């Protein structure tokens, strides 16, 4: 049981979460998205891992998103932080979003949507914008590597 607590302890630190996601992205995600996110960082100073308020400054729900973060402009994430849970509540800003692991779509064109999704260890809650070519490629790469 100590090992289980240790695994969940990893997700209690935002810095460790960002590091874990960066590791997944480095090893799985398509290169163009990584390069694009790093290029944006170099040109604008925006970090690769950022709070959603950067992209959704007028969304009234953004201030309550304590543990949500984005990797680049197209991937929204929310980790599970409690050791006895394998689901997480996530707020998705207005638009059409796709859950990376299931391919399920969630949309609300005028206002955001709150959802609870499965997020066991190894499959954090990751969503990409439906129109995102990079999100689609990321999902295809996971499928190609038999991770879906």
C-alpha atoms as a PDB file:
ATOM      1  CA  UNK A   1       0.000   0.000   0.000  1.00  0.00           C
ATOM      2  CA  UNK A   2       2.921   2.380   0.584  1.00  0.00           C
ATOM      3  CA  UNK A   3       3.711   2.095  -3.090  1.00  0.00           C
ATOM      4  CA  UNK A   4       0.201   3.224  -4.034  1.00  0.00           C
ATOM      5  CA  UNK A   5       0.505   6.252  -1.767  1.00  0.00           C
ATOM      6  CA  UNK A   6       3.894   6.999  -3.295  1.00  0.00           C
ATOM      7  CA  UNK A   7       2.467   6.859  -6.795  1.00  0.00           C
ATOM      8  CA  UNK A   8      -0.312   9.263  -5.882  1.00  0.00           C
ATOM      9  CA  UNK A   9       2.137  11.494  -4.019  1.00  0.00           C
ATOM     10  CA  UNK A  10       3.747  12.169  -7.404  1.00  0.00           C
ATOM     11  CA  UNK A  11       0.564  13.937  -8.529  1.00  0.00           C
ATOM     12  CA  UNK A  12       0.330  16.187  -5.475  1.00  0.00           C
ATOM     13  CA  UNK A  13       3.053  18.559  -6.702  1.00  0.00           C
ATOM     14  CA  UNK A  14       2.278  20.816  -9.690  1.00  0.00           C
ATOM     15  CA  UNK A  15       5.976  20.800 -10.607  1.00  0.00           C
ATOM     16  CA  UNK A  16       6.002  16.998 -10.684  1.00  0.00           C
ATOM     17  CA  UNK A  17       2.785  16.953 -12.700  1.00  0.00           C
ATOM     18  CA  UNK A  18       4.305  19.294 -15.267  1.00  0.00           C
ATOM     19  CA  UNK A  19       7.475  17.184 -15.349  1.00  0.00           C
ATOM     20  CA  UNK A  20       5.515  13.969 -15.848  1.00  0.00           C
ATOM     21  CA  UNK A  21       3.431  15.494 -18.631  1.00  0.00           C
ATOM     22  CA  UNK A  22       6.528  16.914 -20.282  1.00  0.00           C
ATOM     23  CA  UNK A  23       8.053  13.425 -20.120  1.00  0.00           C
ATOM     24  CA  UNK A  24       4.980  11.888 -21.740  1.00  0.00           C
ATOM     25  CA  UNK A  25       4.946  14.609 -24.378  1.00  0.00           C
ATOM     26  CA  UNK A  26       8.670  14.158 -25.050  1.00  0.00           C
ATOM     27  CA  UNK A  27       8.318  10.423 -25.558  1.00  0.00           C
ATOM     28  CA  UNK A  28       4.910  10.158 -27.226  1.00  0.00           C
ATOM     29  CA  UNK A  29       3.689  13.399 -28.735  1.00  0.00           C
ATOM     30  CA  UNK A  30       4.423  14.366 -32.308  1.00  0.00           C
ATOM     31  CA  UNK A  31       7.455  16.584 -32.707  1.00  0.00           C
ATOM     32  CA  UNK A  32       5.678  19.444 -34.501  1.00  0.00           C
ATOM     33  CA  UNK A  33       3.464  20.219 -31.474  1.00  0.00           C
ATOM     34  CA  UNK A  34       6.440  20.268 -29.126  1.00  0.00           C
ATOM     35  CA  UNK A  35       8.408  22.435 -31.507  1.00  0.00           C
ATOM     36  CA  UNK A  36       5.428  24.773 -31.952  1.00  0.00           C
ATOM     37  CA  UNK A  37       4.914  25.137 -28.190  1.00  0.00           C
ATOM     38  CA  UNK A  38       8.618  25.813 -27.669  1.00  0.00           C
ATOM     39  CA  UNK A  39       8.638  28.325 -30.531  1.00  0.00           C
ATOM     40  CA  UNK A  40       5.703  30.174 -28.934  1.00  0.00           C
ATOM     41  CA  UNK A  41       7.626  30.184 -25.657  1.00  0.00           C
ATOM     42  CA  UNK A  42      10.742  31.639 -27.283  1.00  0.00           C
ATOM     43  CA  UNK A  43       8.810  34.255 -29.258  1.00  0.00           C
ATOM     44  CA  UNK A  44       6.310  35.380 -26.617  1.00  0.00           C
ATOM     45  CA  UNK A  45       7.672  34.267 -23.268  1.00  0.00           C
ATOM     46  CA  UNK A  46       4.551  32.140 -22.604  1.00  0.00           C
ATOM     47  CA  UNK A  47       5.500  28.936 -20.807  1.00  0.00           C
ATOM     48  CA  UNK A  48       4.803  25.596 -22.477  1.00  0.00           C
ATOM     49  CA  UNK A  49       2.772  24.525 -19.404  1.00  0.00           C
ATOM     50  CA  UNK A  50       0.345  27.318 -18.521  1.00  0.00           C
ATOM     51  CA  UNK A  51      -2.842  28.179 -16.685  1.00  0.00           C
ATOM     52  CA  UNK A  52      -5.984  28.261 -18.881  1.00  0.00           C
ATOM     53  CA  UNK A  53      -6.573  31.956 -18.083  1.00  0.00           C
ATOM     54  CA  UNK A  54      -3.876  32.777 -20.648  1.00  0.00           C
ATOM     55  CA  UNK A  55      -6.080  31.465 -23.459  1.00  0.00           C
ATOM     56  CA  UNK A  56      -9.484  32.141 -21.901  1.00  0.00           C
ATOM     57  CA  UNK A  57      -9.137  35.495 -20.094  1.00  0.00           C
ATOM     58  CA  UNK A  58     -12.849  36.331 -20.348  1.00  0.00           C
ATOM     59  CA  UNK A  59     -14.160  32.984 -19.120  1.00  0.00           C
ATOM     60  CA  UNK A  60     -15.691  33.547 -15.662  1.00  0.00           C
ATOM     61  CA  UNK A  61     -14.824  29.971 -14.586  1.00  0.00           C
ATOM     62  CA  UNK A  62     -11.081  30.372 -15.172  1.00  0.00           C
ATOM     63  CA  UNK A  63     -10.264  31.722 -11.715  1.00  0.00           C
ATOM     64  CA  UNK A  64     -11.553  28.545 -10.043  1.00  0.00           C
ATOM     65  CA  UNK A  65      -9.318  26.229 -12.069  1.00  0.00           C
ATOM     66  CA  UNK A  66      -6.721  25.602  -9.416  1.00  0.00           C
ATOM     67  CA  UNK A  67      -5.290  22.358 -10.797  1.00  0.00           C
ATOM     68  CA  UNK A  68      -6.120  22.622 -14.483  1.00  0.00           C
ATOM     69  CA  UNK A  69      -3.344  23.456 -16.879  1.00  0.00           C
ATOM     70  CA  UNK A  70      -2.645  23.562 -20.572  1.00  0.00           C
ATOM     71  CA  UNK A  71       0.338  22.221 -22.466  1.00  0.00           C
ATOM     72  CA  UNK A  72       0.704  24.635 -25.329  1.00  0.00           C
ATOM     73  CA  UNK A  73      -2.464  26.239 -26.668  1.00  0.00           C
ATOM     74  CA  UNK A  74      -4.395  23.041 -27.485  1.00  0.00           C
ATOM     75  CA  UNK A  75      -4.089  20.466 -24.682  1.00  0.00           C
ATOM     76  CA  UNK A  76      -6.118  20.890 -21.460  1.00  0.00           C
ATOM     77  CA  UNK A  77      -5.254  18.711 -18.461  1.00  0.00           C
ATOM     78  CA  UNK A  78      -6.496  18.060 -14.930  1.00  0.00           C
ATOM     79  CA  UNK A  79      -4.706  15.511 -12.734  1.00  0.00           C
ATOM     80  CA  UNK A  80      -6.223  13.302 -10.038  1.00  0.00           C
ATOM     81  CA  UNK A  81      -4.808  14.461  -6.717  1.00  0.00           C
ATOM     82  CA  UNK A  82      -6.603  12.229  -4.217  1.00  0.00           C
ATOM     83  CA  UNK A  83      -5.217   8.738  -3.521  1.00  0.00           C
ATOM     84  CA  UNK A  84      -8.621   7.038  -3.372  1.00  0.00           C
ATOM     85  CA  UNK A  85      -9.937   8.427  -6.681  1.00  0.00           C
ATOM     86  CA  UNK A  86      -9.524   7.508 -10.324  1.00  0.00           C
ATOM     87  CA  UNK A  87     -11.831  10.165 -11.740  1.00  0.00           C
ATOM     88  CA  UNK A  88     -11.438  13.913 -11.945  1.00  0.00           C
ATOM     89  CA  UNK A  89     -13.786  16.846 -12.455  1.00  0.00           C
ATOM     90  CA  UNK A  90     -12.668  19.076 -15.290  1.00  0.00           C
ATOM     91  CA  UNK A  91     -13.976  22.319 -16.689  1.00  0.00           C
ATOM     92  CA  UNK A  92     -13.680  22.718 -20.457  1.00  0.00           C
ATOM     93  CA  UNK A  93     -13.974  26.248 -21.855  1.00  0.00           C
ATOM     94  CA  UNK A  94     -16.496  26.978 -24.634  1.00  0.00           C
ATOM     95  CA  UNK A  95     -15.915  24.973 -27.780  1.00  0.00           C
ATOM     96  CA  UNK A  96     -15.553  21.357 -28.831  1.00  0.00           C
ATOM     97  CA  UNK A  97     -13.102  19.179 -26.896  1.00  0.00           C
ATOM     98  CA  UNK A  98     -12.038  15.541 -27.343  1.00  0.00           C
ATOM     99  CA  UNK A  99     -10.942  13.283 -24.472  1.00  0.00           C
ATOM    100  CA  UNK A 100      -7.561  11.884 -25.485  1.00  0.00           C
ATOM    101  CA  UNK A 101      -7.995   8.368 -24.070  1.00  0.00           C
ATOM    102  CA  UNK A 102     -11.594   7.642 -25.130  1.00  0.00           C
ATOM    103  CA  UNK A 103     -12.151   9.890 -28.127  1.00  0.00           C
ATOM    104  CA  UNK A 104     -15.419  11.108 -26.557  1.00  0.00           C
ATOM    105  CA  UNK A 105     -16.424  14.636 -27.539  1.00  0.00           C
ATOM    106  CA  UNK A 106     -17.598  17.307 -25.120  1.00  0.00           C
ATOM    107  CA  UNK A 107     -18.942  20.602 -26.350  1.00  0.00           C
ATOM    108  CA  UNK A 108     -20.695  23.723 -25.309  1.00  0.00           C
ATOM    109  CA  UNK A 109     -20.443  26.543 -27.844  1.00  0.00           C
ATOM    110  CA  UNK A 110     -21.610  29.429 -25.629  1.00  0.00           C
ATOM    111  CA  UNK A 111     -20.346  28.515 -22.177  1.00  0.00           C
ATOM    112  CA  UNK A 112     -17.946  25.973 -20.786  1.00  0.00           C
ATOM    113  CA  UNK A 113     -18.900  22.532 -19.551  1.00  0.00           C
ATOM    114  CA  UNK A 114     -18.069  20.658 -16.336  1.00  0.00           C
ATOM    115  CA  UNK A 115     -17.436  16.947 -16.719  1.00  0.00           C
ATOM    116  CA  UNK A 116     -16.165  14.108 -14.563  1.00  0.00           C
ATOM    117  CA  UNK A 117     -13.953  11.665 -16.433  1.00  0.00           C
ATOM    118  CA  UNK A 118     -11.950   8.554 -15.699  1.00  0.00           C
ATOM    119  CA  UNK A 119      -8.298   9.350 -14.998  1.00  0.00           C
ATOM    120  CA  UNK A 120      -6.465   6.345 -13.551  1.00  0.00           C
ATOM    121  CA  UNK A 121      -2.708   6.502 -13.038  1.00  0.00           C
ATOM    122  CA  UNK A 122      -1.068   6.545 -16.452  1.00  0.00           C
ATOM    123  CA  UNK A 123      -4.113   8.064 -18.154  1.00  0.00           C
ATOM    124  CA  UNK A 124      -4.473  11.624 -16.855  1.00  0.00           C
ATOM    125  CA  UNK A 125      -7.447  13.700 -17.985  1.00  0.00           C
ATOM    126  CA  UNK A 126      -6.217  15.189 -21.259  1.00  0.00           C
ATOM    127  CA  UNK A 127      -8.430  16.967 -23.771  1.00  0.00           C
ATOM    128  CA  UNK A 128      -7.646  18.610 -27.073  1.00  0.00           C
ATOM    129  CA  UNK A 129      -9.635  21.004 -29.208  1.00  0.00           C
ATOM    130  CA  UNK A 130     -11.668  19.082 -31.760  1.00  0.00           C
ATOM    131  CA  UNK A 131     -10.234  21.054 -34.661  1.00  0.00           C
ATOM    132  CA  UNK A 132      -6.662  20.469 -33.460  1.00  0.00           C
ATOM    133  CA  UNK A 133      -4.585  18.609 -36.021  1.00  0.00           C
ATOM    134  CA  UNK A 134      -1.906  18.121 -33.381  1.00  0.00           C
ATOM    135  CA  UNK A 135      -4.373  16.661 -30.872  1.00  0.00           C
ATOM    136  CA  UNK A 136      -5.597  14.233 -33.502  1.00  0.00           C
ATOM    137  CA  UNK A 137      -1.995  13.282 -34.353  1.00  0.00           C
ATOM    138  CA  UNK A 138      -1.229  12.814 -30.651  1.00  0.00           C
ATOM    139  CA  UNK A 139      -4.165  10.399 -30.340  1.00  0.00           C
ATOM    140  CA  UNK A 140      -3.119   8.552 -33.509  1.00  0.00           C
ATOM    141  CA  UNK A 141       0.424   8.210 -32.173  1.00  0.00           C
ATOM    142  CA  UNK A 142      -0.877   6.728 -28.909  1.00  0.00           C
ATOM    143  CA  UNK A 143      -2.960   4.277 -30.946  1.00  0.00           C
ATOM    144  CA  UNK A 144       0.035   3.389 -33.149  1.00  0.00           C
ATOM    145  CA  UNK A 145       2.059   2.616 -30.031  1.00  0.00           C
ATOM    146  CA  UNK A 146      -0.800   0.470 -28.683  1.00  0.00           C
ATOM    147  CA  UNK A 147      -1.336   2.815 -25.738  1.00  0.00           C
ATOM    148  CA  UNK A 148      -5.046   3.291 -26.496  1.00  0.00           C
END
